[in-house]
PDB file of all heavy atoms in Angstrom:
ATOM      1  N   GLY A   1      99.805 162.367  93.807  1.00  0.00           N
ATOM      2  CA  GLY A   1     100.329 161.593  94.927  1.00  0.00           C
ATOM      3  C   GLY A   1     100.758 162.476  96.080  1.00  0.00           C
ATOM      4  O   GLY A   1     101.618 162.106  96.875  1.00  0.00           O
ATOM      5  N   TYR A   2     100.166 163.683  96.152  1.00  0.00           N
ATOM      6  CA  TYR A   2     100.478 164.688  97.177  1.00  0.00           C
ATOM      7  C   TYR A   2     101.899 165.219  97.065  1.00  0.00           C
ATOM      8  O   TYR A   2     102.455 165.754  98.018  1.00  0.00           O
ATOM      9  CB  TYR A   2     100.182 164.154  98.584  1.00  0.00           C
ATOM     10  CG  TYR A   2      98.729 163.809  98.752  1.00  0.00           C
ATOM     11  CD1 TYR A   2      98.286 162.490  98.614  1.00  0.00           C
ATOM     12  CD2 TYR A   2      97.785 164.795  98.997  1.00  0.00           C
ATOM     13  CE1 TYR A   2      96.938 162.170  98.731  1.00  0.00           C
ATOM     14  CE2 TYR A   2      96.435 164.486  99.110  1.00  0.00           C
ATOM     15  CZ  TYR A   2      96.017 163.175  98.973  1.00  0.00           C
ATOM     16  OH  TYR A   2      94.695 162.866  99.072  1.00  0.00           O
ATOM     17  N   GLY A   3     102.481 165.076  95.864  1.00  0.00           N
ATOM     18  CA  GLY A   3     103.767 165.699  95.585  1.00  0.00           C
ATOM     19  C   GLY A   3     103.572 167.091  95.003  1.00  0.00           C
ATOM     20  O   GLY A   3     102.539 167.395  94.383  1.00  0.00           O
ATOM     21  N   LEU A   4     104.558 167.941  95.195  1.00  0.00           N
ATOM     22  CA  LEU A   4     104.501 169.311  94.695  1.00  0.00           C
ATOM     23  C   LEU A   4     104.755 169.310  93.188  1.00  0.00           C
ATOM     24  O   LEU A   4     105.680 168.662  92.708  1.00  0.00           O
ATOM     25  CB  LEU A   4     105.556 170.151  95.412  1.00  0.00           C
ATOM     26  CG  LEU A   4     105.496 171.669  95.309  1.00  0.00           C
ATOM     27  CD1 LEU A   4     104.157 172.199  95.784  1.00  0.00           C
ATOM     28  CD2 LEU A   4     106.631 172.290  96.125  1.00  0.00           C
ATOM     29  N   THR A   5     103.919 170.034  92.431  1.00  0.00           N
ATOM     30  CA  THR A   5     104.050 170.075  90.979  1.00  0.00           C
ATOM     31  C   THR A   5     104.570 171.435  90.514  1.00  0.00           C
ATOM     32  O   THR A   5     104.419 172.452  91.198  1.00  0.00           O
ATOM     33  CB  THR A   5     102.698 169.816  90.295  1.00  0.00           C
ATOM     34  OG1 THR A   5     101.796 170.897  90.609  1.00  0.00           O
ATOM     35  CG2 THR A   5     102.095 168.496  90.754  1.00  0.00           C
ATOM     36  N   ALA A   6     105.155 171.436  89.310  1.00  0.00           N
ATOM     37  CA  ALA A   6     105.688 172.675  88.760  1.00  0.00           C
ATOM     38  C   ALA A   6     104.581 173.687  88.498  1.00  0.00           C
ATOM     39  O   ALA A   6     104.756 174.894  88.715  1.00  0.00           O
ATOM     40  CB  ALA A   6     106.452 172.375  87.472  1.00  0.00           C
ATOM     41  N   ASP A   7     103.424 173.226  88.034  1.00  0.00           N
ATOM     42  CA  ASP A   7     102.324 174.155  87.745  1.00  0.00           C
ATOM     43  C   ASP A   7     101.882 174.884  89.001  1.00  0.00           C
ATOM     44  O   ASP A   7     101.620 176.098  88.976  1.00  0.00           O
ATOM     45  CB  ASP A   7     101.136 173.397  87.142  1.00  0.00           C
ATOM     46  CG  ASP A   7     101.385 172.973  85.700  1.00  0.00           C
ATOM     47  OD1 ASP A   7     102.322 173.514  85.081  1.00  0.00           O
ATOM     48  OD2 ASP A   7     100.653 172.088  85.211  1.00  0.00           O
ATOM     49  N   ALA A   8     101.800 174.149  90.115  1.00  0.00           N
ATOM     50  CA  ALA A   8     101.371 174.769  91.369  1.00  0.00           C
ATOM     51  C   ALA A   8     102.406 175.780  91.854  1.00  0.00           C
ATOM     52  O   ALA A   8     102.060 176.874  92.325  1.00  0.00           O
ATOM     53  CB  ALA A   8     101.138 173.701  92.428  1.00  0.00           C
ATOM     54  N   VAL A   9     103.692 175.435  91.736  1.00  0.00           N
ATOM     55  CA  VAL A   9     104.749 176.357  92.160  1.00  0.00           C
ATOM     56  C   VAL A   9     104.748 177.590  91.269  1.00  0.00           C
ATOM     57  O   VAL A   9     104.831 178.735  91.748  1.00  0.00           O
ATOM     58  CB  VAL A   9     106.124 175.656  92.126  1.00  0.00           C
ATOM     59  CG1 VAL A   9     107.234 176.669  92.414  1.00  0.00           C
ATOM     60  CG2 VAL A   9     106.178 174.515  93.121  1.00  0.00           C
ATOM     61  N   ARG A  10     104.637 177.375  89.979  1.00  0.00           N
ATOM     62  CA  ARG A  10     104.679 178.483  89.027  1.00  0.00           C
ATOM     63  C   ARG A  10     103.536 179.466  89.287  1.00  0.00           C
ATOM     64  O   ARG A  10     103.741 180.694  89.287  1.00  0.00           O
ATOM     65  CB  ARG A  10     104.603 177.935  87.603  1.00  0.00           C
ATOM     66  CG  ARG A  10     104.903 178.963  86.520  1.00  0.00           C
ATOM     67  CD  ARG A  10     104.843 178.326  85.141  1.00  0.00           C
ATOM     68  NE  ARG A  10     105.847 177.275  84.995  1.00  0.00           N
ATOM     69  CZ  ARG A  10     105.569 175.967  84.912  1.00  0.00           C
ATOM     70  NH1 ARG A  10     104.312 175.546  84.960  1.00  0.00           N
ATOM     71  NH2 ARG A  10     106.533 175.091  84.769  1.00  0.00           N
ATOM     72  N   ALA A  11     102.357 178.940  89.543  1.00  0.00           N
ATOM     73  CA  ALA A  11     101.216 179.812  89.787  1.00  0.00           C
ATOM     74  C   ALA A  11     101.413 180.645  91.048  1.00  0.00           C
ATOM     75  O   ALA A  11     101.129 181.853  91.072  1.00  0.00           O
ATOM     76  CB  ALA A  11      99.941 178.977  89.892  1.00  0.00           C
ATOM     77  N   ALA A  12     101.921 180.005  92.118  1.00  0.00           N
ATOM     78  CA  ALA A  12     102.132 180.727  93.381  1.00  0.00           C
ATOM     79  C   ALA A  12     103.206 181.800  93.223  1.00  0.00           C
ATOM     80  O   ALA A  12     103.041 182.938  93.708  1.00  0.00           O
ATOM     81  CB  ALA A  12     102.526 179.738  94.474  1.00  0.00           C
ATOM     82  N   VAL A  13     104.293 181.464  92.547  1.00  0.00           N
ATOM     83  CA  VAL A  13     105.390 182.423  92.376  1.00  0.00           C
ATOM     84  C   VAL A  13     104.963 183.583  91.489  1.00  0.00           C
ATOM     85  O   VAL A  13     105.264 184.754  91.778  1.00  0.00           O
ATOM     86  CB  VAL A  13     106.624 181.703  91.800  1.00  0.00           C
ATOM     87  CG1 VAL A  13     107.705 182.714  91.423  1.00  0.00           C
ATOM     88  CG2 VAL A  13     107.174 180.704  92.812  1.00  0.00           C
ATOM     89  N   ASP A  14     104.248 183.288  90.396  1.00  0.00           N
ATOM     90  CA  ASP A  14     103.819 184.373  89.498  1.00  0.00           C
ATOM     91  C   ASP A  14     102.902 185.350  90.222  1.00  0.00           C
ATOM     92  O   ASP A  14     102.994 186.580  90.008  1.00  0.00           O
ATOM     93  CB  ASP A  14     103.103 183.782  88.278  1.00  0.00           C
ATOM     94  CG  ASP A  14     104.068 183.102  87.307  1.00  0.00           C
ATOM     95  OD1 ASP A  14     105.287 183.290  87.459  1.00  0.00           O
ATOM     96  OD2 ASP A  14     103.587 182.383  86.408  1.00  0.00           O
ATOM     97  N   ARG A  15     102.023 184.844  91.085  1.00  0.00           N
ATOM     98  CA  ARG A  15     101.152 185.745  91.855  1.00  0.00           C
ATOM     99  C   ARG A  15     101.980 186.667  92.745  1.00  0.00           C
ATOM    100  O   ARG A  15     101.709 187.868  92.845  1.00  0.00           O
ATOM    101  CB  ARG A  15     100.177 184.931  92.713  1.00  0.00           C
ATOM    102  CG  ARG A  15      98.993 184.357  91.968  1.00  0.00           C
ATOM    103  CD  ARG A  15      97.906 183.887  92.936  1.00  0.00           C
ATOM    104  NE  ARG A  15      98.401 182.873  93.871  1.00  0.00           N
ATOM    105  CZ  ARG A  15      98.369 181.574  93.631  1.00  0.00           C
ATOM    106  NH1 ARG A  15      97.869 181.110  92.489  1.00  0.00           N
ATOM    107  NH2 ARG A  15      98.823 180.720  94.534  1.00  0.00           N
ATOM    108  N   ASP A  16     102.972 186.109  93.390  1.00  0.00           N
ATOM    109  CA  ASP A  16     103.771 186.906  94.323  1.00  0.00           C
ATOM    110  C   ASP A  16     104.640 187.933  93.594  1.00  0.00           C
ATOM    111  O   ASP A  16     104.794 189.074  94.054  1.00  0.00           O
ATOM    112  CB  ASP A  16     104.646 185.986  95.173  1.00  0.00           C
ATOM    113  CG  ASP A  16     103.835 185.174  96.165  1.00  0.00           C
ATOM    114  OD1 ASP A  16     102.697 185.573  96.465  1.00  0.00           O
ATOM    115  OD2 ASP A  16     104.333 184.128  96.631  1.00  0.00           O
ATOM    116  N   VAL A  17     105.208 187.532  92.465  1.00  0.00           N
ATOM    117  CA  VAL A  17     106.032 188.469  91.699  1.00  0.00           C
ATOM    118  C   VAL A  17     105.186 189.650  91.233  1.00  0.00           C
ATOM    119  O   VAL A  17     105.627 190.809  91.258  1.00  0.00           O
ATOM    120  CB  VAL A  17     106.692 187.744  90.511  1.00  0.00           C
ATOM    121  CG1 VAL A  17     107.354 188.746  89.569  1.00  0.00           C
ATOM    122  CG2 VAL A  17     107.729 186.740  91.013  1.00  0.00           C
ATOM    123  N   ALA A  18     103.956 189.363  90.842  1.00  0.00           N
ATOM    124  CA  ALA A  18     103.062 190.438  90.409  1.00  0.00           C
ATOM    125  C   ALA A  18     102.756 191.419  91.540  1.00  0.00           C
ATOM    126  O   ALA A  18     102.452 192.594  91.296  1.00  0.00           O
ATOM    127  CB  ALA A  18     101.761 189.834  89.866  1.00  0.00           C
ATOM    128  N   LEU A  19     102.856 190.951  92.770  1.00  0.00           N
ATOM    129  CA  LEU A  19     102.620 191.802  93.939  1.00  0.00           C
ATOM    130  C   LEU A  19     103.887 192.508  94.421  1.00  0.00           C
ATOM    131  O   LEU A  19     103.872 193.217  95.431  1.00  0.00           O
ATOM    132  CB  LEU A  19     102.042 190.965  95.089  1.00  0.00           C
ATOM    133  CG  LEU A  19     100.645 190.385  94.860  1.00  0.00           C
ATOM    134  CD1 LEU A  19     100.284 189.401  95.987  1.00  0.00           C
ATOM    135  CD2 LEU A  19      99.608 191.496  94.770  1.00  0.00           C
ATOM    136  N   GLY A  20     104.999 192.294  93.728  1.00  0.00           N
ATOM    137  CA  GLY A  20     106.248 192.933  94.108  1.00  0.00           C
ATOM    138  C   GLY A  20     107.057 192.161  95.133  1.00  0.00           C
ATOM    139  O   GLY A  20     108.043 192.683  95.670  1.00  0.00           O
ATOM    140  N   LEU A  21     106.669 190.922  95.422  1.00  0.00           N
ATOM    141  CA  LEU A  21     107.416 190.095  96.352  1.00  0.00           C
ATOM    142  C   LEU A  21     108.581 189.399  95.635  1.00  0.00           C
ATOM    143  O   LEU A  21     108.612 189.333  94.398  1.00  0.00           O
ATOM    144  CB  LEU A  21     106.494 189.063  97.000  1.00  0.00           C
ATOM    145  CG  LEU A  21     105.335 189.648  97.816  1.00  0.00           C
ATOM    146  CD1 LEU A  21     104.404 188.543  98.306  1.00  0.00           C
ATOM    147  CD2 LEU A  21     105.866 190.466  98.993  1.00  0.00           C
ATOM    148  N   VAL A  22     109.522 188.883  96.425  1.00  0.00           N
ATOM    149  CA  VAL A  22     110.739 188.285  95.859  1.00  0.00           C
ATOM    150  C   VAL A  22     110.825 186.819  96.263  1.00  0.00           C
ATOM    151  O   VAL A  22     110.991 186.500  97.446  1.00  0.00           O
ATOM    152  CB  VAL A  22     111.998 189.028  96.360  1.00  0.00           C
ATOM    153  CG1 VAL A  22     113.258 188.383  95.780  1.00  0.00           C
ATOM    154  CG2 VAL A  22     111.933 190.502  95.996  1.00  0.00           C
ATOM    155  N   PRO A  23     110.700 185.899  95.336  1.00  0.00           N
ATOM    156  CA  PRO A  23     110.855 184.475  95.659  1.00  0.00           C
ATOM    157  C   PRO A  23     112.266 184.196  96.176  1.00  0.00           C
ATOM    158  O   PRO A  23     113.255 184.553  95.522  1.00  0.00           O
ATOM    159  CB  PRO A  23     110.604 183.769  94.320  1.00  0.00           C
ATOM    160  CG  PRO A  23     109.853 184.757  93.489  1.00  0.00           C
ATOM    161  CD  PRO A  23     110.359 186.106  93.912  1.00  0.00           C
ATOM    162  N   LEU A  24     112.358 183.597  97.348  1.00  0.00           N
ATOM    163  CA  LEU A  24     113.659 183.386  97.986  1.00  0.00           C
ATOM    164  C   LEU A  24     114.071 181.930  98.006  1.00  0.00           C
ATOM    165  O   LEU A  24     115.204 181.589  97.620  1.00  0.00           O
ATOM    166  CB  LEU A  24     113.606 183.902  99.432  1.00  0.00           C
ATOM    167  CG  LEU A  24     114.845 183.583 100.286  1.00  0.00           C
ATOM    168  CD1 LEU A  24     116.045 184.378  99.809  1.00  0.00           C
ATOM    169  CD2 LEU A  24     114.577 183.853 101.766  1.00  0.00           C
ATOM    170  N   TYR A  25     113.178 181.038  98.429  1.00  0.00           N
ATOM    171  CA  TYR A  25     113.609 179.692  98.835  1.00  0.00           C
ATOM    172  C   TYR A  25     112.455 178.736  98.592  1.00  0.00           C
ATOM    173  O   TYR A  25     111.295 179.041  98.895  1.00  0.00           O
ATOM    174  CB  TYR A  25     113.961 179.735 100.317  1.00  0.00           C
ATOM    175  CG  TYR A  25     114.563 178.493 100.951  1.00  0.00           C
ATOM    176  CD1 TYR A  25     115.927 178.426 101.206  1.00  0.00           C
ATOM    177  CD2 TYR A  25     113.765 177.431 101.359  1.00  0.00           C
ATOM    178  CE1 TYR A  25     116.482 177.326 101.846  1.00  0.00           C
ATOM    179  CE2 TYR A  25     114.319 176.321 101.989  1.00  0.00           C
ATOM    180  CZ  TYR A  25     115.682 176.274 102.239  1.00  0.00           C
ATOM    181  OH  TYR A  25     116.221 175.189 102.865  1.00  0.00           O
ATOM    182  N   LEU A  26     112.775 177.586  98.040  1.00  0.00           N
ATOM    183  CA  LEU A  26     111.773 176.560  97.760  1.00  0.00           C
ATOM    184  C   LEU A  26     112.268 175.232  98.298  1.00  0.00           C
ATOM    185  O   LEU A  26     113.402 174.829  98.035  1.00  0.00           O
ATOM    186  CB  LEU A  26     111.540 176.451  96.247  1.00  0.00           C
ATOM    187  CG  LEU A  26     110.684 175.287  95.751  1.00  0.00           C
ATOM    188  CD1 LEU A  26     109.240 175.439  96.226  1.00  0.00           C
ATOM    189  CD2 LEU A  26     110.740 175.204  94.228  1.00  0.00           C
ATOM    190  N   CYS A  27     111.408 174.537  99.041  1.00  0.00           N
ATOM    191  CA  CYS A  27     111.754 173.207  99.539  1.00  0.00           C
ATOM    192  C   CYS A  27     111.132 172.156  98.638  1.00  0.00           C
ATOM    193  O   CYS A  27     109.920 172.169  98.388  1.00  0.00           O
ATOM    194  CB  CYS A  27     111.258 173.014 100.973  1.00  0.00           C
ATOM    195  SG  CYS A  27     111.507 171.321 101.561  1.00  0.00           S
ATOM    196  N   ALA A  28     111.948 171.242  98.151  1.00  0.00           N
ATOM    197  CA  ALA A  28     111.477 170.040  97.465  1.00  0.00           C
ATOM    198  C   ALA A  28     111.751 168.861  98.381  1.00  0.00           C
ATOM    199  O   ALA A  28     112.807 168.796  99.017  1.00  0.00           O
ATOM    200  CB  ALA A  28     112.205 169.862  96.134  1.00  0.00           C
ATOM    201  N   THR A  29     110.811 167.927  98.456  1.00  0.00           N
ATOM    202  CA  THR A  29     110.945 166.817  99.393  1.00  0.00           C
ATOM    203  C   THR A  29     110.890 165.484  98.668  1.00  0.00           C
ATOM    204  O   THR A  29     110.041 165.270  97.809  1.00  0.00           O
ATOM    205  CB  THR A  29     109.839 166.851 100.464  1.00  0.00           C
ATOM    206  OG1 THR A  29     109.824 168.141 101.082  1.00  0.00           O
ATOM    207  CG2 THR A  29     110.074 165.791 101.528  1.00  0.00           C
ATOM    208  N   VAL A  30     111.801 164.591  99.032  1.00  0.00           N
ATOM    209  CA  VAL A  30     111.750 163.193  98.612  1.00  0.00           C
ATOM    210  C   VAL A  30     111.408 162.379  99.852  1.00  0.00           C
ATOM    211  O   VAL A  30     112.255 162.147 100.709  1.00  0.00           O
ATOM    212  CB  VAL A  30     113.086 162.741  98.001  1.00  0.00           C
ATOM    213  CG1 VAL A  30     113.068 161.242  97.709  1.00  0.00           C
ATOM    214  CG2 VAL A  30     113.385 163.506  96.717  1.00  0.00           C
ATOM    215  N   GLY A  31     110.116 162.015  99.987  1.00  0.00           N
ATOM    216  CA  GLY A  31     109.667 161.245 101.141  1.00  0.00           C
ATOM    217  C   GLY A  31     109.137 162.128 102.250  1.00  0.00           C
ATOM    218  O   GLY A  31     109.779 162.283 103.292  1.00  0.00           O
ATOM    219  N   THR A  32     107.947 162.703 102.066  1.00  0.00           N
ATOM    220  CA  THR A  32     107.394 163.591 103.085  1.00  0.00           C
ATOM    221  C   THR A  32     107.033 162.816 104.352  1.00  0.00           C
ATOM    222  O   THR A  32     106.827 161.599 104.321  1.00  0.00           O
ATOM    223  CB  THR A  32     106.135 164.318 102.573  1.00  0.00           C
ATOM    224  OG1 THR A  32     105.140 163.339 102.246  1.00  0.00           O
ATOM    225  CG2 THR A  32     106.446 165.161 101.354  1.00  0.00           C
ATOM    226  N   THR A  33     106.939 163.534 105.457  1.00  0.00           N
ATOM    227  CA  THR A  33     106.731 162.893 106.754  1.00  0.00           C
ATOM    228  C   THR A  33     105.380 162.197 106.847  1.00  0.00           C
ATOM    229  O   THR A  33     105.288 161.061 107.311  1.00  0.00           O
ATOM    230  CB  THR A  33     106.854 163.934 107.883  1.00  0.00           C
ATOM    231  OG1 THR A  33     108.164 164.494 107.845  1.00  0.00           O
ATOM    232  CG2 THR A  33     106.613 163.292 109.237  1.00  0.00           C
ATOM    233  N   GLY A  34     104.332 162.857 106.410  1.00  0.00           N
ATOM    234  CA  GLY A  34     103.008 162.282 106.593  1.00  0.00           C
ATOM    235  C   GLY A  34     102.710 161.105 105.701  1.00  0.00           C
ATOM    236  O   GLY A  34     102.183 160.082 106.147  1.00  0.00           O
ATOM    237  N   LEU A  35     103.077 161.219 104.413  1.00  0.00           N
ATOM    238  CA  LEU A  35     102.636 160.242 103.414  1.00  0.00           C
ATOM    239  C   LEU A  35     103.769 159.609 102.619  1.00  0.00           C
ATOM    240  O   LEU A  35     103.512 158.711 101.807  1.00  0.00           O
ATOM    241  CB  LEU A  35     101.674 160.924 102.427  1.00  0.00           C
ATOM    242  CG  LEU A  35     100.414 161.556 103.022  1.00  0.00           C
ATOM    243  CD1 LEU A  35      99.679 162.373 101.964  1.00  0.00           C
ATOM    244  CD2 LEU A  35      99.496 160.476 103.601  1.00  0.00           C
ATOM    245  N   GLY A  36     104.998 160.086 102.797  1.00  0.00           N
ATOM    246  CA  GLY A  36     106.094 159.576 101.987  1.00  0.00           C
ATOM    247  C   GLY A  36     106.046 160.076 100.558  1.00  0.00           C
ATOM    248  O   GLY A  36     106.623 159.467  99.647  1.00  0.00           O
ATOM    249  N   ALA A  37     105.381 161.197 100.315  1.00  0.00           N
ATOM    250  CA  ALA A  37     105.229 161.733  98.961  1.00  0.00           C
ATOM    251  C   ALA A  37     106.557 162.246  98.420  1.00  0.00           C
ATOM    252  O   ALA A  37     107.469 162.605  99.176  1.00  0.00           O
ATOM    253  CB  ALA A  37     104.190 162.859  98.954  1.00  0.00           C
ATOM    254  N   VAL A  38     106.647 162.303  97.088  1.00  0.00           N
ATOM    255  CA  VAL A  38     107.859 162.767  96.411  1.00  0.00           C
ATOM    256  C   VAL A  38     107.488 163.906  95.474  1.00  0.00           C
ATOM    257  O   VAL A  38     106.588 163.776  94.637  1.00  0.00           O
ATOM    258  CB  VAL A  38     108.522 161.626  95.617  1.00  0.00           C
ATOM    259  CG1 VAL A  38     109.727 162.152  94.836  1.00  0.00           C
ATOM    260  CG2 VAL A  38     108.960 160.504  96.563  1.00  0.00           C
ATOM    261  N   ASP A  39     108.167 165.027  95.609  1.00  0.00           N
ATOM    262  CA  ASP A  39     107.918 166.174  94.746  1.00  0.00           C
ATOM    263  C   ASP A  39     108.575 165.985  93.382  1.00  0.00           C
ATOM    264  O   ASP A  39     109.527 165.213  93.231  1.00  0.00           O
ATOM    265  CB  ASP A  39     108.450 167.450  95.396  1.00  0.00           C
ATOM    266  CG  ASP A  39     107.702 167.820  96.667  1.00  0.00           C
ATOM    267  OD1 ASP A  39     106.559 167.344  96.838  1.00  0.00           O
ATOM    268  OD2 ASP A  39     108.256 168.586  97.480  1.00  0.00           O
ATOM    269  N   ALA A  40     108.073 166.712  92.396  1.00  0.00           N
ATOM    270  CA  ALA A  40     108.633 166.667  91.037  1.00  0.00           C
ATOM    271  C   ALA A  40     109.886 167.538  91.005  1.00  0.00           C
ATOM    272  O   ALA A  40     109.854 168.709  90.622  1.00  0.00           O
ATOM    273  CB  ALA A  40     107.592 167.165  90.030  1.00  0.00           C
ATOM    274  N   VAL A  41     111.009 166.957  91.425  1.00  0.00           N
ATOM    275  CA  VAL A  41     112.226 167.735  91.686  1.00  0.00           C
ATOM    276  C   VAL A  41     112.695 168.484  90.449  1.00  0.00           C
ATOM    277  O   VAL A  41     112.981 169.694  90.517  1.00  0.00           O
ATOM    278  CB  VAL A  41     113.336 166.815  92.220  1.00  0.00           C
ATOM    279  CG1 VAL A  41     114.633 167.606  92.414  1.00  0.00           C
ATOM    280  CG2 VAL A  41     112.907 166.166  93.531  1.00  0.00           C
ATOM    281  N   ARG A  42     112.798 167.817  89.318  1.00  0.00           N
ATOM    282  CA  ARG A  42     113.321 168.504  88.132  1.00  0.00           C
ATOM    283  C   ARG A  42     112.420 169.655  87.697  1.00  0.00           C
ATOM    284  O   ARG A  42     112.894 170.759  87.413  1.00  0.00           O
ATOM    285  CB  ARG A  42     113.498 167.514  86.985  1.00  0.00           C
ATOM    286  CG  ARG A  42     113.988 168.183  85.687  1.00  0.00           C
ATOM    287  CD  ARG A  42     114.408 167.186  84.643  1.00  0.00           C
ATOM    288  NE  ARG A  42     115.552 166.387  85.079  1.00  0.00           N
ATOM    289  CZ  ARG A  42     116.819 166.816  85.100  1.00  0.00           C
ATOM    290  NH1 ARG A  42     117.102 168.058  84.717  1.00  0.00           N
ATOM    291  NH2 ARG A  42     117.779 166.028  85.504  1.00  0.00           N
TER     292      ARG A  42
END
């Protein structure tokens, strides 16, 4: 439903950590502007 999933976040973060980057901040949205999508907050 165009919501952000844990698998997608996990994959992106793991790639960055492997490159020596530091995950800082993540936005979760309830009701996105374009489509009203809801991310998997938990």
